[in-house]
Amino acid sequence: MERVIDLDEAAAVLAGRRGGWQAAGLDVGRLTWRDAEAPWPQPLETDRARALDPDSVGIVVSGTGDAVLSVVLFRGGWADVDFLDGADGGGALPASDITSATDFGARLDRWIARAFGSAERAG
């Protein structure tokens, strides 16, 4: 898989938003890593050191009611983004052609707003 995104930089983006999300009443799960070299089925690791050659990093953020956002970013420049918003059900959000950790952060802000209305109203 081509390395478009530095997943450690993306993890720093996620870590930088954690406190704000928690202050807004969101429950923020631990980061999960998948090692590209691990035998199938590749386990998800919460310890970055156990993913020697990570090909994805993921997180789950939960709000009030049934609101949940799951994001898994792949180093190839796309993400699997699924949400339940407690209002109209939810679904998958478009997440391709991500070019950098900064681009990922901007999209992440939009995905959070879509799933929870806004982080400020989540609590």
N, C-alpha and C. Protein backbone atom coordinates (compact mmCIF):
# COMPACT_ATOMS: atom_id res chain seq x y z
N MET A 1 0.86 -1.18 0.00
CA MET A 1 0.00 0.00 0.00
C MET A 1 0.90 1.24 0.00
N GLU A 2 0.61 2.17 -0.89
CA GLU A 2 1.37 3.41 -0.97
C GLU A 2 1.24 4.20 0.33
N ARG A 3 2.31 4.86 0.71
CA ARG A 3 2.33 5.66 1.94
C ARG A 3 2.07 7.13 1.59
N VAL A 4 0.81 7.53 1.70
CA VAL A 4 0.41 8.90 1.42
C VAL A 4 0.35 9.70 2.71
N ILE A 5 -0.16 9.09 3.75
CA ILE A 5 -0.38 9.75 5.04
C ILE A 5 0.59 9.20 6.08
N ASP A 6 1.21 10.09 6.82
CA ASP A 6 2.01 9.68 7.98
C ASP A 6 1.04 9.45 9.13
N LEU A 7 0.86 8.20 9.50
CA LEU A 7 -0.16 7.87 10.50
C LEU A 7 0.20 8.39 11.89
N ASP A 8 1.48 8.55 12.18
CA ASP A 8 1.85 9.13 13.47
C ASP A 8 1.45 10.61 13.52
N GLU A 9 1.57 11.33 12.41
CA GLU A 9 1.09 12.71 12.35
C GLU A 9 -0.43 12.75 12.49
N ALA A 10 -1.11 11.82 11.86
CA ALA A 10 -2.57 11.75 11.99
C ALA A 10 -2.98 11.45 13.43
N ALA A 11 -2.23 10.58 14.10
CA ALA A 11 -2.51 10.28 15.50
C ALA A 11 -2.33 11.53 16.36
N ALA A 12 -1.34 12.36 16.03
CA ALA A 12 -1.15 13.61 16.76
C ALA A 12 -2.33 14.55 16.55
N VAL A 13 -2.90 14.56 15.34
CA VAL A 13 -4.10 15.35 15.07
C VAL A 13 -5.24 14.87 15.97
N LEU A 14 -5.43 13.56 16.04
CA LEU A 14 -6.48 13.01 16.89
C LEU A 14 -6.24 13.36 18.36
N ALA A 15 -5.01 13.22 18.81
CA ALA A 15 -4.68 13.53 20.21
C ALA A 15 -4.93 15.00 20.51
N GLY A 16 -4.67 15.86 19.55
CA GLY A 16 -4.89 17.29 19.75
C GLY A 16 -6.35 17.68 19.88
N ARG A 17 -7.23 16.85 19.37
CA ARG A 17 -8.67 17.15 19.45
C ARG A 17 -9.35 16.45 20.63
N ARG A 18 -8.71 15.46 21.20
CA ARG A 18 -9.30 14.64 22.27
C ARG A 18 -9.85 15.50 23.41
N GLY A 19 -9.07 16.42 23.93
CA GLY A 19 -9.50 17.22 25.08
C GLY A 19 -10.73 18.06 24.78
N GLY A 20 -10.78 18.66 23.61
CA GLY A 20 -11.95 19.45 23.22
C GLY A 20 -13.19 18.61 23.08
N TRP A 21 -13.02 17.43 22.49
CA TRP A 21 -14.17 16.53 22.35
C TRP A 21 -14.68 16.09 23.72
N GLN A 22 -13.75 15.75 24.62
CA GLN A 22 -14.16 15.32 25.96
C GLN A 22 -14.82 16.46 26.71
N ALA A 23 -14.29 17.68 26.57
CA ALA A 23 -14.90 18.84 27.22
C ALA A 23 -16.31 19.09 26.70
N ALA A 24 -16.57 18.68 25.45
CA ALA A 24 -17.91 18.85 24.85
C ALA A 24 -18.83 17.69 25.21
N GLY A 25 -18.37 16.76 26.04
CA GLY A 25 -19.22 15.66 26.49
C GLY A 25 -19.13 14.41 25.65
N LEU A 26 -18.16 14.34 24.75
CA LEU A 26 -17.99 13.13 23.94
C LEU A 26 -17.08 12.14 24.64
N ASP A 27 -17.36 10.87 24.45
CA ASP A 27 -16.52 9.80 24.96
C ASP A 27 -15.58 9.41 23.83
N VAL A 28 -14.28 9.51 24.08
CA VAL A 28 -13.28 9.27 23.05
C VAL A 28 -12.52 7.99 23.38
N GLY A 29 -12.61 7.02 22.48
CA GLY A 29 -11.93 5.75 22.69
C GLY A 29 -10.44 5.86 22.46
N ARG A 30 -9.76 4.76 22.73
CA ARG A 30 -8.32 4.69 22.50
C ARG A 30 -8.03 4.53 21.02
N LEU A 31 -6.89 5.01 20.60
CA LEU A 31 -6.45 4.78 19.23
C LEU A 31 -6.19 3.30 19.02
N THR A 32 -6.52 2.82 17.84
CA THR A 32 -6.19 1.45 17.47
C THR A 32 -5.31 1.49 16.23
N TRP A 33 -4.34 0.61 16.20
CA TRP A 33 -3.37 0.52 15.12
C TRP A 33 -3.43 -0.87 14.51
N ARG A 34 -3.24 -0.94 13.20
CA ARG A 34 -3.11 -2.24 12.55
C ARG A 34 -1.75 -2.29 11.87
N ASP A 35 -1.03 -3.37 12.11
CA ASP A 35 0.30 -3.56 11.56
C ASP A 35 0.20 -4.27 10.22
N ALA A 36 0.74 -3.66 9.18
CA ALA A 36 0.67 -4.24 7.83
C ALA A 36 1.38 -5.59 7.74
N GLU A 37 2.38 -5.80 8.58
CA GLU A 37 3.16 -7.04 8.51
C GLU A 37 2.62 -8.16 9.41
N ALA A 38 1.62 -7.88 10.20
CA ALA A 38 1.06 -8.90 11.10
C ALA A 38 0.33 -9.96 10.27
N PRO A 39 0.38 -11.21 10.74
CA PRO A 39 -0.34 -12.27 10.02
C PRO A 39 -1.85 -12.06 10.10
N TRP A 40 -2.52 -12.53 9.06
CA TRP A 40 -3.97 -12.45 8.99
C TRP A 40 -4.60 -13.40 9.98
N PRO A 41 -5.66 -13.06 10.64
CA PRO A 41 -6.30 -11.74 10.64
C PRO A 41 -5.48 -10.77 11.50
N GLN A 42 -5.21 -9.61 10.96
CA GLN A 42 -4.37 -8.63 11.64
C GLN A 42 -5.10 -8.05 12.85
N PRO A 43 -4.53 -8.20 14.03
CA PRO A 43 -5.20 -7.68 15.22
C PRO A 43 -5.09 -6.16 15.29
N LEU A 44 -6.03 -5.55 15.98
CA LEU A 44 -5.95 -4.12 16.27
C LEU A 44 -5.20 -3.97 17.58
N GLU A 45 -4.24 -3.09 17.59
CA GLU A 45 -3.40 -2.85 18.76
C GLU A 45 -3.70 -1.47 19.33
N THR A 46 -3.70 -1.34 20.64
CA THR A 46 -3.84 -0.03 21.27
C THR A 46 -2.48 0.54 21.66
N ASP A 47 -1.46 -0.28 21.59
CA ASP A 47 -0.09 0.14 21.87
C ASP A 47 0.62 0.36 20.53
N ARG A 48 0.95 1.61 20.23
CA ARG A 48 1.57 1.94 18.95
C ARG A 48 2.85 1.12 18.72
N ALA A 49 3.58 0.82 19.77
CA ALA A 49 4.84 0.08 19.65
C ALA A 49 4.63 -1.34 19.10
N ARG A 50 3.42 -1.86 19.21
CA ARG A 50 3.14 -3.21 18.72
C ARG A 50 2.78 -3.22 17.23
N ALA A 51 2.64 -2.04 16.63
CA ALA A 51 2.38 -1.93 15.19
C ALA A 51 3.65 -1.38 14.55
N LEU A 52 4.54 -2.29 14.18
CA LEU A 52 5.84 -1.88 13.68
C LEU A 52 5.76 -1.18 12.33
N ASP A 53 4.82 -1.61 11.49
CA ASP A 53 4.62 -1.03 10.17
C ASP A 53 3.12 -0.74 10.01
N PRO A 54 2.63 0.31 10.68
CA PRO A 54 1.18 0.53 10.69
C PRO A 54 0.64 0.91 9.32
N ASP A 55 -0.51 0.31 8.99
CA ASP A 55 -1.20 0.70 7.76
C ASP A 55 -2.52 1.38 8.05
N SER A 56 -2.93 1.43 9.34
CA SER A 56 -4.13 2.17 9.70
C SER A 56 -4.09 2.59 11.16
N VAL A 57 -4.81 3.67 11.43
CA VAL A 57 -5.05 4.13 12.80
C VAL A 57 -6.53 4.46 12.88
N GLY A 58 -7.15 4.09 13.99
CA GLY A 58 -8.59 4.30 14.12
C GLY A 58 -8.98 4.81 15.48
N ILE A 59 -10.20 5.34 15.54
CA ILE A 59 -10.75 5.84 16.80
C ILE A 59 -12.28 5.77 16.73
N VAL A 60 -12.90 5.61 17.89
CA VAL A 60 -14.36 5.66 18.00
C VAL A 60 -14.70 6.77 18.99
N VAL A 61 -15.62 7.64 18.57
CA VAL A 61 -16.08 8.74 19.40
C VAL A 61 -17.58 8.58 19.58
N SER A 62 -18.05 8.66 20.84
CA SER A 62 -19.47 8.48 21.15
C SER A 62 -20.02 9.72 21.82
N GLY A 63 -21.28 10.00 21.53
CA GLY A 63 -21.97 11.13 22.15
C GLY A 63 -23.19 10.67 22.89
N THR A 64 -24.12 11.58 23.07
CA THR A 64 -25.35 11.25 23.77
C THR A 64 -26.23 10.36 22.89
N GLY A 65 -27.11 9.63 23.53
CA GLY A 65 -28.01 8.74 22.79
C GLY A 65 -27.22 7.70 22.02
N ASP A 66 -27.58 7.53 20.79
CA ASP A 66 -26.94 6.52 19.95
C ASP A 66 -25.85 7.09 19.05
N ALA A 67 -25.44 8.33 19.26
CA ALA A 67 -24.49 8.97 18.36
C ALA A 67 -23.09 8.37 18.53
N VAL A 68 -22.56 7.85 17.42
CA VAL A 68 -21.23 7.24 17.40
C VAL A 68 -20.57 7.55 16.06
N LEU A 69 -19.28 7.86 16.11
CA LEU A 69 -18.48 8.05 14.90
C LEU A 69 -17.28 7.13 14.99
N SER A 70 -17.08 6.33 13.95
CA SER A 70 -15.93 5.43 13.85
C SER A 70 -15.11 5.86 12.64
N VAL A 71 -13.82 6.13 12.86
CA VAL A 71 -12.94 6.57 11.78
C VAL A 71 -11.70 5.68 11.78
N VAL A 72 -11.41 5.09 10.63
CA VAL A 72 -10.17 4.34 10.44
C VAL A 72 -9.47 4.94 9.23
N LEU A 73 -8.31 5.55 9.48
CA LEU A 73 -7.52 6.18 8.42
C LEU A 73 -6.45 5.20 7.95
N PHE A 74 -6.35 5.04 6.64
CA PHE A 74 -5.34 4.16 6.05
C PHE A 74 -4.22 5.01 5.44
N ARG A 75 -3.00 4.52 5.53
CA ARG A 75 -1.86 5.28 5.06
C ARG A 75 -1.90 5.55 3.56
N GLY A 76 -2.74 4.85 2.84
CA GLY A 76 -2.88 5.07 1.40
C GLY A 76 -3.69 6.30 1.04
N GLY A 77 -4.28 6.99 2.04
CA GLY A 77 -4.98 8.23 1.77
C GLY A 77 -6.49 8.14 1.72
N TRP A 78 -7.05 7.16 2.37
CA TRP A 78 -8.51 7.07 2.48
C TRP A 78 -8.86 6.64 3.90
N ALA A 79 -10.14 6.75 4.23
CA ALA A 79 -10.61 6.35 5.56
C ALA A 79 -11.95 5.65 5.44
N ASP A 80 -12.20 4.76 6.37
CA ASP A 80 -13.53 4.19 6.56
C ASP A 80 -14.18 5.01 7.66
N VAL A 81 -15.25 5.72 7.32
CA VAL A 81 -15.91 6.62 8.27
C VAL A 81 -17.38 6.23 8.34
N ASP A 82 -17.80 5.77 9.50
CA ASP A 82 -19.19 5.36 9.72
C ASP A 82 -19.73 6.08 10.93
N PHE A 83 -21.03 6.42 10.88
CA PHE A 83 -21.62 7.11 12.02
C PHE A 83 -23.06 6.70 12.22
N LEU A 84 -23.47 6.81 13.46
CA LEU A 84 -24.87 6.77 13.87
C LEU A 84 -25.10 8.10 14.55
N ASP A 85 -26.12 8.83 14.14
CA ASP A 85 -26.30 10.15 14.73
C ASP A 85 -27.51 10.24 15.66
N GLY A 86 -28.23 9.16 15.83
CA GLY A 86 -29.36 9.19 16.73
C GLY A 86 -30.58 9.89 16.17
N ALA A 87 -30.45 10.54 15.01
CA ALA A 87 -31.59 11.27 14.42
C ALA A 87 -32.07 10.57 13.16
N ASP A 88 -31.28 10.59 12.12
CA ASP A 88 -31.71 9.98 10.86
C ASP A 88 -31.00 8.66 10.58
N GLY A 89 -30.38 8.10 11.58
CA GLY A 89 -29.76 6.78 11.43
C GLY A 89 -28.28 6.82 11.26
N GLY A 90 -27.79 7.48 10.22
CA GLY A 90 -26.36 7.54 9.98
C GLY A 90 -25.99 6.89 8.68
N GLY A 91 -24.75 6.45 8.60
CA GLY A 91 -24.25 5.82 7.39
C GLY A 91 -22.76 6.01 7.25
N ALA A 92 -22.28 5.83 6.03
CA ALA A 92 -20.87 6.02 5.73
C ALA A 92 -20.68 7.40 5.12
N LEU A 93 -19.55 8.00 5.41
CA LEU A 93 -19.22 9.31 4.87
C LEU A 93 -18.08 9.18 3.86
N PRO A 94 -18.10 10.00 2.81
CA PRO A 94 -17.02 9.92 1.82
C PRO A 94 -15.69 10.32 2.44
N ALA A 95 -14.67 9.54 2.14
CA ALA A 95 -13.37 9.79 2.75
C ALA A 95 -12.24 9.24 1.88
N SER A 96 -12.09 9.80 0.70
CA SER A 96 -11.01 9.36 -0.18
C SER A 96 -10.14 10.55 -0.54
N ASP A 97 -9.02 10.26 -1.14
CA ASP A 97 -8.07 11.30 -1.59
C ASP A 97 -7.63 12.22 -0.47
N ILE A 98 -7.40 11.67 0.71
CA ILE A 98 -6.85 12.43 1.83
C ILE A 98 -5.36 12.59 1.57
N THR A 99 -4.87 13.81 1.61
CA THR A 99 -3.50 14.07 1.16
C THR A 99 -2.48 14.29 2.26
N SER A 100 -2.93 14.56 3.49
CA SER A 100 -2.00 14.85 4.58
C SER A 100 -2.72 14.74 5.91
N ALA A 101 -1.95 14.80 6.99
CA ALA A 101 -2.55 14.81 8.32
C ALA A 101 -3.39 16.07 8.52
N THR A 102 -2.97 17.19 7.94
CA THR A 102 -3.73 18.44 8.03
C THR A 102 -5.07 18.30 7.32
N ASP A 103 -5.05 17.72 6.14
CA ASP A 103 -6.29 17.46 5.39
C ASP A 103 -7.19 16.53 6.19
N PHE A 104 -6.62 15.50 6.78
CA PHE A 104 -7.38 14.58 7.62
C PHE A 104 -8.04 15.33 8.77
N GLY A 105 -7.31 16.23 9.43
CA GLY A 105 -7.87 16.99 10.55
C GLY A 105 -9.06 17.84 10.13
N ALA A 106 -8.97 18.48 8.97
CA ALA A 106 -10.08 19.31 8.49
C ALA A 106 -11.31 18.44 8.20
N ARG A 107 -11.09 17.29 7.61
CA ARG A 107 -12.21 16.39 7.33
C ARG A 107 -12.79 15.83 8.63
N LEU A 108 -11.91 15.51 9.56
CA LEU A 108 -12.34 14.99 10.85
C LEU A 108 -13.29 15.97 11.54
N ASP A 109 -12.96 17.24 11.48
CA ASP A 109 -13.84 18.26 12.08
C ASP A 109 -15.23 18.23 11.44
N ARG A 110 -15.28 18.06 10.12
CA ARG A 110 -16.58 17.98 9.43
C ARG A 110 -17.32 16.70 9.80
N TRP A 111 -16.60 15.59 9.93
CA TRP A 111 -17.25 14.33 10.30
C TRP A 111 -17.82 14.40 11.71
N ILE A 112 -17.08 15.01 12.62
CA ILE A 112 -17.57 15.18 13.99
C ILE A 112 -18.84 16.03 13.98
N ALA A 113 -18.82 17.12 13.24
CA ALA A 113 -20.00 17.99 13.15
C ALA A 113 -21.18 17.24 12.56
N ARG A 114 -20.95 16.39 11.57
CA ARG A 114 -22.03 15.62 10.94
C ARG A 114 -22.62 14.61 11.91
N ALA A 115 -21.77 13.94 12.66
CA ALA A 115 -22.25 12.89 13.57
C ALA A 115 -22.89 13.45 14.83
N PHE A 116 -22.38 14.59 15.33
CA PHE A 116 -22.83 15.10 16.63
C PHE A 116 -23.48 16.48 16.57
N GLY A 117 -23.66 17.01 15.37
CA GLY A 117 -24.21 18.36 15.24
C GLY A 117 -23.10 19.38 15.36
N SER A 118 -22.40 19.35 16.43
CA SER A 118 -21.15 20.07 16.65
C SER A 118 -20.61 19.58 17.98
N ALA A 119 -19.34 19.63 18.16
CA ALA A 119 -18.75 19.16 19.40
C ALA A 119 -19.27 19.96 20.59
N GLU A 120 -19.58 21.24 20.37
CA GLU A 120 -20.06 22.08 21.46
C GLU A 120 -21.45 21.64 21.94
N ARG A 121 -22.26 21.08 21.06
CA ARG A 121 -23.62 20.67 21.44
C ARG A 121 -23.70 19.20 21.83
N ALA A 122 -22.58 18.49 21.81
CA ALA A 122 -22.63 17.05 22.01
C ALA A 122 -22.95 16.66 23.44
N GLY A 123 -22.66 17.49 24.40
CA GLY A 123 -22.82 17.09 25.79
C GLY A 123 -24.12 17.32 26.40
